[in-house]
Amino acid sequence: MGSGFSDEEYSEAGATLCPAAGARDAGLVLKVKQPQESEYKFLRGQLPFTYFHLSGVTETLTEALLGSRTTAIAYETVISRTLRKAGLPD
């Protein structure tokens, strides 16, 4: 599953692409899917902007987010003022 944008498009927009381990020092982490269990150790108070469907996962993700003091923003809940529906901010 992809995000709909190529790696080149992200790079051209100024993003730094890296594996999960490289994102541990980033303030904002963009992902297509919520953190996987192998990535929990990298949560350190960042601001991940991703799909978070916490009702469909085990409690360990919620506990990892709380324990790391991470502010998680679920992009499926962000409402566009222009479109009046869920979507990326304008």
Protein backbone atom coordinates (compact mmCIF):
# COMPACT_ATOMS: atom_id res chain seq x y z
CA MET A 1 0.00 0.00 0.00
CA GLY A 2 1.39 3.38 -0.92
CA SER A 3 0.61 6.94 0.06
CA GLY A 4 -0.19 8.09 -3.46
CA PHE A 5 3.05 10.07 -3.74
CA SER A 6 6.43 8.86 -4.95
CA ASP A 7 9.59 9.10 -2.86
CA GLU A 8 10.86 11.67 -5.38
CA GLU A 9 7.79 13.87 -4.82
CA TYR A 10 8.34 13.76 -1.06
CA SER A 11 12.03 14.62 -1.48
CA GLU A 12 11.25 17.47 -3.89
CA ALA A 13 8.84 18.88 -1.28
CA GLY A 14 11.65 18.91 1.31
CA ALA A 15 11.02 15.63 3.15
CA THR A 16 13.84 13.46 4.41
CA LEU A 17 13.10 9.80 3.75
CA CYS A 18 14.58 7.26 6.12
CA PRO A 19 13.87 3.90 7.75
CA ALA A 20 12.02 3.89 11.08
CA ALA A 21 15.25 3.93 13.08
CA GLY A 22 16.30 7.16 11.36
CA ALA A 23 13.10 8.94 12.37
CA ARG A 24 13.76 8.72 16.10
CA ASP A 25 15.16 12.27 16.23
CA ALA A 26 12.52 13.83 13.97
CA GLY A 27 9.89 16.13 15.42
CA LEU A 28 7.25 15.21 12.85
CA VAL A 29 6.93 11.69 11.47
CA LEU A 30 4.62 10.99 8.51
CA LYS A 31 3.58 7.40 7.95
CA VAL A 32 0.98 5.58 5.88
CA LYS A 33 0.14 3.16 8.70
CA GLN A 34 0.27 3.35 12.49
CA PRO A 35 3.58 2.37 14.13
CA GLN A 36 4.23 -1.35 14.10
CA GLU A 37 5.33 -3.15 17.26
CA SER A 38 8.95 -3.28 16.03
CA GLU A 39 8.86 0.55 15.79
CA TYR A 40 7.50 1.28 19.29
CA LYS A 41 11.03 1.62 20.65
CA PHE A 42 11.56 4.60 18.32
CA LEU A 43 8.63 6.61 19.77
CA ARG A 44 10.15 9.45 21.75
CA GLY A 45 7.67 12.26 22.07
CA GLN A 46 7.45 12.93 18.34
CA LEU A 47 4.38 14.04 16.48
CA PRO A 48 3.39 11.20 14.15
CA PHE A 49 0.81 12.09 11.52
CA THR A 50 -0.58 8.81 10.26
CA TYR A 51 -3.57 6.51 10.16
CA PHE A 52 -4.38 5.63 13.77
CA HIS A 53 -7.20 3.18 14.21
CA LEU A 54 -6.53 2.34 17.85
CA SER A 55 -9.74 0.39 18.33
CA GLY A 56 -8.42 -2.20 15.88
CA VAL A 57 -5.06 -2.83 17.57
CA THR A 58 -3.88 -4.35 20.81
CA GLU A 59 -3.42 -2.16 23.88
CA THR A 60 0.35 -2.25 23.40
CA LEU A 61 0.30 0.55 20.79
CA THR A 62 -1.80 2.80 23.00
CA GLU A 63 0.48 2.05 25.95
CA ALA A 64 3.59 2.73 23.83
CA LEU A 65 2.19 6.09 22.69
CA LEU A 66 1.30 7.11 26.24
CA GLY A 67 4.58 5.84 27.68
CA SER A 68 6.65 7.78 25.15
CA ARG A 69 4.62 10.99 25.60
CA THR A 70 3.89 10.97 21.87
CA THR A 71 1.17 13.23 20.47
CA ALA A 72 -0.51 11.13 17.79
CA ILE A 73 -2.61 12.77 15.07
CA ALA A 74 -4.85 10.46 13.08
CA TYR A 75 -5.12 11.91 9.60
CA GLU A 76 -8.42 10.16 9.01
CA THR A 77 -9.94 12.46 11.66
CA VAL A 78 -8.56 15.74 10.28
CA ILE A 79 -11.38 17.70 8.67
CA SER A 80 -10.77 19.96 5.69
CA ARG A 81 -12.46 23.35 6.17
CA THR A 82 -12.92 23.69 2.42
CA LEU A 83 -14.13 20.18 1.63
CA ARG A 84 -16.02 19.70 4.93
CA LYS A 85 -14.85 16.10 5.09
CA ALA A 86 -11.89 14.10 6.35
CA GLY A 87 -8.71 14.74 4.41
CA LEU A 88 -5.32 16.36 4.51
CA PRO A 89 -5.27 20.01 5.61
CA ASP A 90 -5.61 22.64 2.88
